[in-house]
Amino acid sequence: MSVDVKEIVTERCCYIFGAGEYGECDLPDPLQGFVIAADAGLAVLQKKGIVPDLLVGDFDSLKDVSQKAPEEYAGDQKEAETEKEGISGRIAGMLPQEKILCHPPEKDDTDMMLAVKEGLRRGYREFRIYGGLGGRLDHTFANVQTLEYIAKQGGRGYLIGERETLTVIRNDCLIIPEGAQPDCRYVSVFCLGDAAEGVSLRNLKYPLENAVLTKEFPLGVSNEFTGEKAQIEVMQGSLLVIMENRT
């Protein structure tokens, strides 16, 4: 179990489930918010008996849902439309048509980014993202950039894994209450961008006050919680915050 995000999230929440690693990651029960399956994240939800409010993706990696998802998208537009209809038909027994948003694989957004944009469009600003860590490193890094995108929209996203929880704060302050810390030990902060100014780390083992962090020097790695309410603040710029559990 990683950091207890429900102790931190204060607004109504959008849950997004991807196809990355879950391990023994605890899922909240019940899911009190809007639930989106990002492509093959639907297979995870199906195994857990959870029906999403929305399915988003190009479905190129959705192999395991009822063993009926297509192997790949067709090449031209006409075939793509036919394939799209086929996909919808294959999963129509699980979700109504209006809850399925199918995109072509030749696109600028990742499936996770598509899901985030749908959540933002519906007015959500707090995101808990599961299955967004592990597996392919490029996808994990893309999901970190997605956290930055959420922060730039005035929201906050959490990438939640078995061993760690990641978030990005931008010109903002993150409060981590005592109740969120029992299973956590290390917390690290990294600059995203050229510089992060006015960085303060309070009630951590190694404090900082009004410091400047840069992208080429990992000054904020491997700090520790002290059991007191922790505060991580950046006045100008963005920080990636990684909270690791004790195991």
C-alpha atoms as a PDB file:
ATOM      1  CA  MET A   1       0.000   0.000   0.000  1.00  0.00           C
ATOM      2  CA  SER A   2       1.369   3.398  -0.943  1.00  0.00           C
ATOM      3  CA  VAL A   3       0.390   6.841   0.296  1.00  0.00           C
ATOM      4  CA  ASP A   4      -3.272   7.116   1.299  1.00  0.00           C
ATOM      5  CA  VAL A   5      -4.447   9.462  -1.434  1.00  0.00           C
ATOM      6  CA  LYS A   6      -7.982   9.716  -0.072  1.00  0.00           C
ATOM      7  CA  GLU A   7      -6.470  11.674   2.824  1.00  0.00           C
ATOM      8  CA  ILE A   8      -5.192  14.240   0.300  1.00  0.00           C
ATOM      9  CA  VAL A   9      -7.851  14.470  -2.433  1.00  0.00           C
ATOM     10  CA  THR A  10     -10.459  17.051  -1.470  1.00  0.00           C
ATOM     11  CA  GLU A  11     -12.679  17.359  -4.557  1.00  0.00           C
ATOM     12  CA  ARG A  12     -14.918  14.967  -6.451  1.00  0.00           C
ATOM     13  CA  CYS A  13     -12.621  12.579  -8.225  1.00  0.00           C
ATOM     14  CA  CYS A  14     -12.155  11.024 -11.647  1.00  0.00           C
ATOM     15  CA  TYR A  15     -10.680   7.511 -11.573  1.00  0.00           C
ATOM     16  CA  ILE A  16      -8.737   6.313 -14.615  1.00  0.00           C
ATOM     17  CA  PHE A  17      -7.573   2.731 -15.103  1.00  0.00           C
ATOM     18  CA  GLY A  18      -4.766   1.938 -17.542  1.00  0.00           C
ATOM     19  CA  ALA A  19      -3.015  -1.225 -18.665  1.00  0.00           C
ATOM     20  CA  GLY A  20       0.183  -0.846 -16.593  1.00  0.00           C
ATOM     21  CA  GLU A  21       1.242  -2.704 -13.479  1.00  0.00           C
ATOM     22  CA  TYR A  22      -1.052  -3.025 -10.463  1.00  0.00           C
ATOM     23  CA  GLY A  23       0.571  -5.681  -8.255  1.00  0.00           C
ATOM     24  CA  GLU A  24      -1.144  -5.693  -4.881  1.00  0.00           C
ATOM     25  CA  CYS A  25      -2.236  -2.076  -5.250  1.00  0.00           C
ATOM     26  CA  ASP A  26      -5.339  -1.404  -3.152  1.00  0.00           C
ATOM     27  CA  LEU A  27      -8.280   0.079  -5.023  1.00  0.00           C
ATOM     28  CA  PRO A  28     -10.769   2.295  -3.206  1.00  0.00           C
ATOM     29  CA  ASP A  29     -14.099   0.660  -2.425  1.00  0.00           C
ATOM     30  CA  PRO A  30     -16.496   1.976  -3.422  1.00  0.00           C
ATOM     31  CA  LEU A  31     -15.293   4.126  -6.320  1.00  0.00           C
ATOM     32  CA  GLN A  32     -17.042   7.366  -5.489  1.00  0.00           C
ATOM     33  CA  GLY A  33     -16.522   9.339  -8.658  1.00  0.00           C
ATOM     34  CA  PHE A  34     -16.397   9.078 -12.446  1.00  0.00           C
ATOM     35  CA  VAL A  35     -14.632   5.920 -13.674  1.00  0.00           C
ATOM     36  CA  ILE A  36     -12.830   5.802 -17.038  1.00  0.00           C
ATOM     37  CA  ALA A  37     -11.160   2.755 -18.570  1.00  0.00           C
ATOM     38  CA  ALA A  38      -8.236   3.750 -20.783  1.00  0.00           C
ATOM     39  CA  ASP A  39      -8.070   1.079 -23.472  1.00  0.00           C
ATOM     40  CA  ALA A  40      -6.905  -2.225 -21.919  1.00  0.00           C
ATOM     41  CA  GLY A  41      -7.660  -0.888 -18.462  1.00  0.00           C
ATOM     42  CA  LEU A  42     -11.124  -2.269 -19.214  1.00  0.00           C
ATOM     43  CA  ALA A  43      -9.757  -5.801 -18.841  1.00  0.00           C
ATOM     44  CA  VAL A  44      -8.566  -4.952 -15.318  1.00  0.00           C
ATOM     45  CA  LEU A  45     -11.941  -3.539 -14.354  1.00  0.00           C
ATOM     46  CA  GLN A  46     -13.732  -6.526 -15.831  1.00  0.00           C
ATOM     47  CA  LYS A  47     -11.700  -8.903 -13.652  1.00  0.00           C
ATOM     48  CA  LYS A  48     -12.550  -6.828 -10.589  1.00  0.00           C
ATOM     49  CA  GLY A  49     -16.229  -6.655 -11.440  1.00  0.00           C
ATOM     50  CA  ILE A  50     -16.204  -2.869 -11.962  1.00  0.00           C
ATOM     51  CA  VAL A  51     -18.230  -1.326 -14.784  1.00  0.00           C
ATOM     52  CA  PRO A  52     -16.700   1.979 -15.972  1.00  0.00           C
ATOM     53  CA  ASP A  53     -18.698   5.071 -16.814  1.00  0.00           C
ATOM     54  CA  LEU A  54     -16.632   5.529 -19.975  1.00  0.00           C
ATOM     55  CA  LEU A  55     -14.255   3.528 -22.174  1.00  0.00           C
ATOM     56  CA  VAL A  56     -11.676   5.553 -24.143  1.00  0.00           C
ATOM     57  CA  GLY A  57      -8.892   4.473 -26.484  1.00  0.00           C
ATOM     58  CA  ASP A  58      -7.870   3.110 -29.852  1.00  0.00           C
ATOM     59  CA  PHE A  59      -8.251  -0.462 -28.533  1.00  0.00           C
ATOM     60  CA  ASP A  60      -5.001  -1.631 -30.115  1.00  0.00           C
ATOM     61  CA  SER A  61      -3.946  -3.219 -26.821  1.00  0.00           C
ATOM     62  CA  LEU A  62      -7.391  -4.348 -25.691  1.00  0.00           C
ATOM     63  CA  LYS A  63      -6.911  -8.081 -26.201  1.00  0.00           C
ATOM     64  CA  ASP A  64      -8.435  -9.557 -23.079  1.00  0.00           C
ATOM     65  CA  VAL A  65     -11.958  -8.227 -22.739  1.00  0.00           C
ATOM     66  CA  SER A  66     -14.270 -11.217 -23.201  1.00  0.00           C
ATOM     67  CA  GLN A  67     -11.512 -12.434 -25.598  1.00  0.00           C
ATOM     68  CA  LYS A  68     -13.271 -10.553 -28.373  1.00  0.00           C
ATOM     69  CA  ALA A  69     -11.287  -7.342 -28.915  1.00  0.00           C
ATOM     70  CA  PRO A  70      -9.646  -6.895 -32.347  1.00  0.00           C
ATOM     71  CA  GLU A  71      -5.963  -7.509 -32.898  1.00  0.00           C
ATOM     72  CA  GLU A  72      -5.288  -4.220 -34.658  1.00  0.00           C
ATOM     73  CA  TYR A  73      -6.890  -1.317 -36.466  1.00  0.00           C
ATOM     74  CA  ALA A  74      -7.362  -1.372 -40.202  1.00  0.00           C
ATOM     75  CA  GLY A  75      -5.218   0.892 -42.385  1.00  0.00           C
ATOM     76  CA  ASP A  76      -7.548   3.146 -44.340  1.00  0.00           C
ATOM     77  CA  GLN A  77     -10.416   5.312 -43.133  1.00  0.00           C
ATOM     78  CA  LYS A  78     -13.189   3.148 -44.557  1.00  0.00           C
ATOM     79  CA  GLU A  79     -11.799   0.005 -42.963  1.00  0.00           C
ATOM     80  CA  ALA A  80     -11.178   1.925 -39.741  1.00  0.00           C
ATOM     81  CA  GLU A  81     -14.847   2.889 -39.584  1.00  0.00           C
ATOM     82  CA  THR A  82     -15.847  -0.733 -40.147  1.00  0.00           C
ATOM     83  CA  GLU A  83     -13.449  -1.837 -37.439  1.00  0.00           C
ATOM     84  CA  LYS A  84     -14.780   0.818 -35.097  1.00  0.00           C
ATOM     85  CA  GLU A  85     -18.285  -0.559 -35.533  1.00  0.00           C
ATOM     86  CA  GLY A  86     -16.949  -4.035 -34.878  1.00  0.00           C
ATOM     87  CA  ILE A  87     -15.261  -2.978 -31.666  1.00  0.00           C
ATOM     88  CA  SER A  88     -18.401  -1.323 -30.416  1.00  0.00           C
ATOM     89  CA  GLY A  89     -20.399  -4.418 -31.211  1.00  0.00           C
ATOM     90  CA  ARG A  90     -17.995  -6.722 -29.402  1.00  0.00           C
ATOM     91  CA  ILE A  91     -18.165  -4.787 -26.143  1.00  0.00           C
ATOM     92  CA  ALA A  92     -21.736  -3.562 -26.439  1.00  0.00           C
ATOM     93  CA  GLY A  93     -22.773  -6.271 -24.002  1.00  0.00           C
ATOM     94  CA  MET A  94     -20.641  -4.609 -21.330  1.00  0.00           C
ATOM     95  CA  LEU A  95     -21.185  -0.936 -22.088  1.00  0.00           C
ATOM     96  CA  PRO A  96     -23.796   1.017 -24.038  1.00  0.00           C
ATOM     97  CA  GLN A  97     -22.642   2.697 -27.224  1.00  0.00           C
ATOM     98  CA  GLU A  98     -22.689   6.199 -25.722  1.00  0.00           C
ATOM     99  CA  LYS A  99     -20.081   5.140 -23.146  1.00  0.00           C
ATOM    100  CA  ILE A 100     -17.532   4.032 -25.755  1.00  0.00           C
ATOM    101  CA  LEU A 101     -15.175   6.565 -27.362  1.00  0.00           C
ATOM    102  CA  CYS A 102     -13.077   4.873 -30.029  1.00  0.00           C
ATOM    103  CA  HIS A 103     -10.091   6.714 -31.553  1.00  0.00           C
ATOM    104  CA  PRO A 104      -7.794   5.728 -34.440  1.00  0.00           C
ATOM    105  CA  PRO A 105      -4.293   4.606 -33.419  1.00  0.00           C
ATOM    106  CA  GLU A 106      -2.675   7.370 -35.510  1.00  0.00           C
ATOM    107  CA  LYS A 107      -3.210  10.153 -32.989  1.00  0.00           C
ATOM    108  CA  ASP A 108      -1.236  12.684 -30.949  1.00  0.00           C
ATOM    109  CA  ASP A 109      -2.704  11.800 -27.537  1.00  0.00           C
ATOM    110  CA  THR A 110      -1.973   8.645 -25.577  1.00  0.00           C
ATOM    111  CA  ASP A 111      -4.993   6.685 -24.379  1.00  0.00           C
ATOM    112  CA  MET A 112      -4.313   7.981 -20.875  1.00  0.00           C
ATOM    113  CA  MET A 113      -4.241  11.580 -22.093  1.00  0.00           C
ATOM    114  CA  LEU A 114      -7.511  11.028 -23.950  1.00  0.00           C
ATOM    115  CA  ALA A 115      -9.058   9.780 -20.719  1.00  0.00           C
ATOM    116  CA  VAL A 116      -7.734  12.759 -18.754  1.00  0.00           C
ATOM    117  CA  LYS A 117      -9.095  15.214 -21.312  1.00  0.00           C
ATOM    118  CA  GLU A 118     -12.507  13.568 -21.078  1.00  0.00           C
ATOM    119  CA  GLY A 119     -12.425  13.919 -17.305  1.00  0.00           C
ATOM    120  CA  LEU A 120     -11.413  17.574 -17.548  1.00  0.00           C
ATOM    121  CA  ARG A 121     -14.157  18.205 -20.088  1.00  0.00           C
ATOM    122  CA  ARG A 122     -16.665  16.884 -17.584  1.00  0.00           C
ATOM    123  CA  GLY A 123     -15.451  19.296 -14.938  1.00  0.00           C
ATOM    124  CA  TYR A 124     -13.187  17.028 -12.874  1.00  0.00           C
ATOM    125  CA  ARG A 125      -9.950  18.457 -11.520  1.00  0.00           C
ATOM    126  CA  GLU A 126      -8.806  15.642  -9.206  1.00  0.00           C
ATOM    127  CA  PHE A 127      -7.595  12.418 -10.863  1.00  0.00           C
ATOM    128  CA  ARG A 128      -6.541   9.092  -9.395  1.00  0.00           C
ATOM    129  CA  ILE A 129      -4.799   7.085 -12.092  1.00  0.00           C
ATOM    130  CA  TYR A 130      -4.181   3.349 -11.639  1.00  0.00           C
ATOM    131  CA  GLY A 131      -2.219   1.136 -14.014  1.00  0.00           C
ATOM    132  CA  GLY A 132      -0.118   4.060 -15.222  1.00  0.00           C
ATOM    133  CA  LEU A 133       3.224   2.869 -13.816  1.00  0.00           C
ATOM    134  CA  GLY A 134       5.543   0.001 -14.677  1.00  0.00           C
ATOM    135  CA  GLY A 135       5.642  -1.874 -17.949  1.00  0.00           C
ATOM    136  CA  ARG A 136       7.025   0.268 -20.758  1.00  0.00           C
ATOM    137  CA  LEU A 137       9.214   3.096 -19.495  1.00  0.00           C
ATOM    138  CA  ASP A 138       8.119   5.427 -22.305  1.00  0.00           C
ATOM    139  CA  HIS A 139       4.482   5.051 -21.240  1.00  0.00           C
ATOM    140  CA  THR A 140       5.364   5.724 -17.615  1.00  0.00           C
ATOM    141  CA  PHE A 141       7.225   8.892 -18.603  1.00  0.00           C
ATOM    142  CA  ALA A 142       4.307   9.929 -20.815  1.00  0.00           C
ATOM    143  CA  ASN A 143       2.028   9.557 -17.798  1.00  0.00           C
ATOM    144  CA  VAL A 144       4.319  11.806 -15.739  1.00  0.00           C
ATOM    145  CA  GLN A 145       3.957  14.418 -18.474  1.00  0.00           C
ATOM    146  CA  THR A 146       0.210  13.875 -18.279  1.00  0.00           C
ATOM    147  CA  LEU A 147       0.357  14.802 -14.582  1.00  0.00           C
ATOM    148  CA  GLU A 148       2.043  18.054 -15.622  1.00  0.00           C
ATOM    149  CA  TYR A 149      -0.732  18.649 -18.159  1.00  0.00           C
ATOM    150  CA  ILE A 150      -3.342  18.215 -15.423  1.00  0.00           C
ATOM    151  CA  ALA A 151      -1.465  20.650 -13.183  1.00  0.00           C
ATOM    152  CA  LYS A 152      -1.389  23.246 -15.967  1.00  0.00           C
ATOM    153  CA  GLN A 153      -5.177  22.946 -16.213  1.00  0.00           C
ATOM    154  CA  GLY A 154      -5.469  23.835 -12.531  1.00  0.00           C
ATOM    155  CA  GLY A 155      -6.021  20.252 -11.407  1.00  0.00           C
ATOM    156  CA  ARG A 156      -4.052  17.551  -9.685  1.00  0.00           C
ATOM    157  CA  GLY A 157      -3.457  13.981 -10.721  1.00  0.00           C
ATOM    158  CA  TYR A 158      -2.037  11.037  -8.791  1.00  0.00           C
ATOM    159  CA  LEU A 159      -0.331   8.067 -10.451  1.00  0.00           C
ATOM    160  CA  ILE A 160      -0.907   5.284  -7.953  1.00  0.00           C
ATOM    161  CA  GLY A 161       1.139   2.083  -7.997  1.00  0.00           C
ATOM    162  CA  GLU A 162       1.913  -0.775  -5.656  1.00  0.00           C
ATOM    163  CA  ARG A 163       5.123   0.788  -4.349  1.00  0.00           C
ATOM    164  CA  GLU A 164       4.760   4.499  -4.982  1.00  0.00           C
ATOM    165  CA  THR A 165       2.430   7.406  -5.673  1.00  0.00           C
ATOM    166  CA  LEU A 166       3.398  10.266  -8.002  1.00  0.00           C
ATOM    167  CA  THR A 167       1.905  13.706  -8.409  1.00  0.00           C
ATOM    168  CA  VAL A 168       2.899  17.050  -9.953  1.00  0.00           C
ATOM    169  CA  ILE A 169       2.339  20.432  -8.355  1.00  0.00           C
ATOM    170  CA  ARG A 170       2.685  23.696 -10.266  1.00  0.00           C
ATOM    171  CA  ASN A 171       2.806  27.078  -8.491  1.00  0.00           C
ATOM    172  CA  ASP A 172       1.046  25.278  -5.676  1.00  0.00           C
ATOM    173  CA  CYS A 173       1.340  23.632  -2.276  1.00  0.00           C
ATOM    174  CA  LEU A 174       0.821  19.958  -1.439  1.00  0.00           C
ATOM    175  CA  ILE A 175      -0.210  19.076   2.113  1.00  0.00           C
ATOM    176  CA  ILE A 176       0.364  15.468   3.166  1.00  0.00           C
ATOM    177  CA  PRO A 177      -1.452  14.879   6.484  1.00  0.00           C
ATOM    178  CA  GLU A 178      -0.303  12.438   9.129  1.00  0.00           C
ATOM    179  CA  GLY A 179      -3.057  10.016   8.198  1.00  0.00           C
ATOM    180  CA  ALA A 180      -1.677   9.586   4.677  1.00  0.00           C
ATOM    181  CA  GLN A 181       1.835   8.689   5.839  1.00  0.00           C
ATOM    182  CA  PRO A 182       1.812   5.481   7.940  1.00  0.00           C
ATOM    183  CA  ASP A 183       2.889   3.136   5.139  1.00  0.00           C
ATOM    184  CA  CYS A 184       5.245   5.633   3.507  1.00  0.00           C
ATOM    185  CA  ARG A 185       8.877   6.376   4.156  1.00  0.00           C
ATOM    186  CA  TYR A 186      10.574   8.256   1.335  1.00  0.00           C
ATOM    187  CA  VAL A 187       9.387  11.332  -0.507  1.00  0.00           C
ATOM    188  CA  SER A 188      11.363  12.875  -3.360  1.00  0.00           C
ATOM    189  CA  VAL A 189      10.838  16.060  -5.340  1.00  0.00           C
ATOM    190  CA  PHE A 190      12.233  16.763  -8.801  1.00  0.00           C
ATOM    191  CA  CYS A 191      12.171  19.896 -10.889  1.00  0.00           C
ATOM    192  CA  LEU A 192      10.174  19.694 -14.115  1.00  0.00           C
ATOM    193  CA  GLY A 193      11.447  22.385 -16.450  1.00  0.00           C
ATOM    194  CA  ASP A 194      14.506  24.598 -16.226  1.00  0.00           C
ATOM    195  CA  ALA A 195      13.977  25.715 -12.639  1.00  0.00           C
ATOM    196  CA  ALA A 196      11.498  25.516  -9.786  1.00  0.00           C
ATOM    197  CA  GLU A 197      11.676  28.597  -7.563  1.00  0.00           C
ATOM    198  CA  GLY A 198      10.520  29.220  -4.031  1.00  0.00           C
ATOM    199  CA  VAL A 199      10.629  25.542  -3.081  1.00  0.00           C
ATOM    200  CA  SER A 200       9.906  24.825   0.582  1.00  0.00           C
ATOM    201  CA  LEU A 201       9.847  21.401   2.248  1.00  0.00           C
ATOM    202  CA  ARG A 202       8.411  21.576   5.753  1.00  0.00           C
ATOM    203  CA  ASN A 203       8.082  18.913   8.465  1.00  0.00           C
ATOM    204  CA  LEU A 204      10.302  16.530   6.511  1.00  0.00           C
ATOM    205  CA  LYS A 205      13.623  15.093   7.722  1.00  0.00           C
ATOM    206  CA  TYR A 206      15.583  17.376   5.376  1.00  0.00           C
ATOM    207  CA  PRO A 207      13.780  20.742   5.182  1.00  0.00           C
ATOM    208  CA  LEU A 208      14.165  23.468   2.587  1.00  0.00           C
ATOM    209  CA  GLU A 209      12.941  27.032   2.620  1.00  0.00           C
ATOM    210  CA  ASN A 210      12.546  29.209  -0.475  1.00  0.00           C
ATOM    211  CA  ALA A 211      15.110  27.197  -2.466  1.00  0.00           C
ATOM    212  CA  VAL A 212      15.653  26.908  -6.204  1.00  0.00           C
ATOM    213  CA  LEU A 213      15.711  23.415  -7.735  1.00  0.00           C
ATOM    214  CA  THR A 214      16.987  22.778 -11.255  1.00  0.00           C
ATOM    215  CA  LYS A 215      16.471  19.889 -13.633  1.00  0.00           C
ATOM    216  CA  GLU A 216      20.166  18.910 -13.708  1.00  0.00           C
ATOM    217  CA  PHE A 217      20.702  18.423  -9.958  1.00  0.00           C
ATOM    218  CA  PRO A 218      18.571  15.972  -7.885  1.00  0.00           C
ATOM    219  CA  LEU A 219      18.746  17.813  -4.578  1.00  0.00           C
ATOM    220  CA  GLY A 220      15.287  16.675  -3.510  1.00  0.00           C
ATOM    221  CA  VAL A 221      15.776  12.909  -3.751  1.00  0.00           C
ATOM    222  CA  SER A 222      15.105  10.517  -0.823  1.00  0.00           C
ATOM    223  CA  ASN A 223      13.683  12.783   1.832  1.00  0.00           C
ATOM    224  CA  GLU A 224      11.668  11.218   4.658  1.00  0.00           C
ATOM    225  CA  PHE A 225       8.390  11.811   6.433  1.00  0.00           C
ATOM    226  CA  THR A 226       8.576  12.609  10.137  1.00  0.00           C
ATOM    227  CA  GLY A 227       5.017  11.762  11.184  1.00  0.00           C
ATOM    228  CA  GLU A 228       3.975  15.409  11.177  1.00  0.00           C
ATOM    229  CA  LYS A 229       1.800  17.097   8.567  1.00  0.00           C
ATOM    230  CA  ALA A 230       4.207  17.640   5.650  1.00  0.00           C
ATOM    231  CA  GLN A 231       4.118  20.571   3.259  1.00  0.00           C
ATOM    232  CA  ILE A 232       5.703  20.733  -0.190  1.00  0.00           C
ATOM    233  CA  GLU A 233       5.459  24.103  -1.898  1.00  0.00           C
ATOM    234  CA  VAL A 234       6.710  25.639  -5.138  1.00  0.00           C
ATOM    235  CA  MET A 235       6.085  29.315  -5.850  1.00  0.00           C
ATOM    236  CA  GLN A 236       7.108  29.291  -9.534  1.00  0.00           C
ATOM    237  CA  GLY A 237       7.453  26.178 -11.674  1.00  0.00           C
ATOM    238  CA  SER A 238       6.583  22.515 -11.401  1.00  0.00           C
ATOM    239  CA  LEU A 239       7.680  19.728  -9.099  1.00  0.00           C
ATOM    240  CA  LEU A 240       7.293  15.987  -9.527  1.00  0.00           C
ATOM    241  CA  VAL A 241       6.618  14.464  -6.106  1.00  0.00           C
ATOM    242  CA  ILE A 242       7.256  10.736  -5.598  1.00  0.00           C
ATOM    243  CA  MET A 243       6.096   9.085  -2.381  1.00  0.00           C
ATOM    244  CA  GLU A 244       7.368   5.555  -1.740  1.00  0.00           C
ATOM    245  CA  ASN A 245       6.126   2.978   0.720  1.00  0.00           C
ATOM    246  CA  ARG A 246       8.269   1.137   3.240  1.00  0.00           C
ATOM    247  CA  THR A 247       8.462  -2.224   1.507  1.00  0.00           C
END
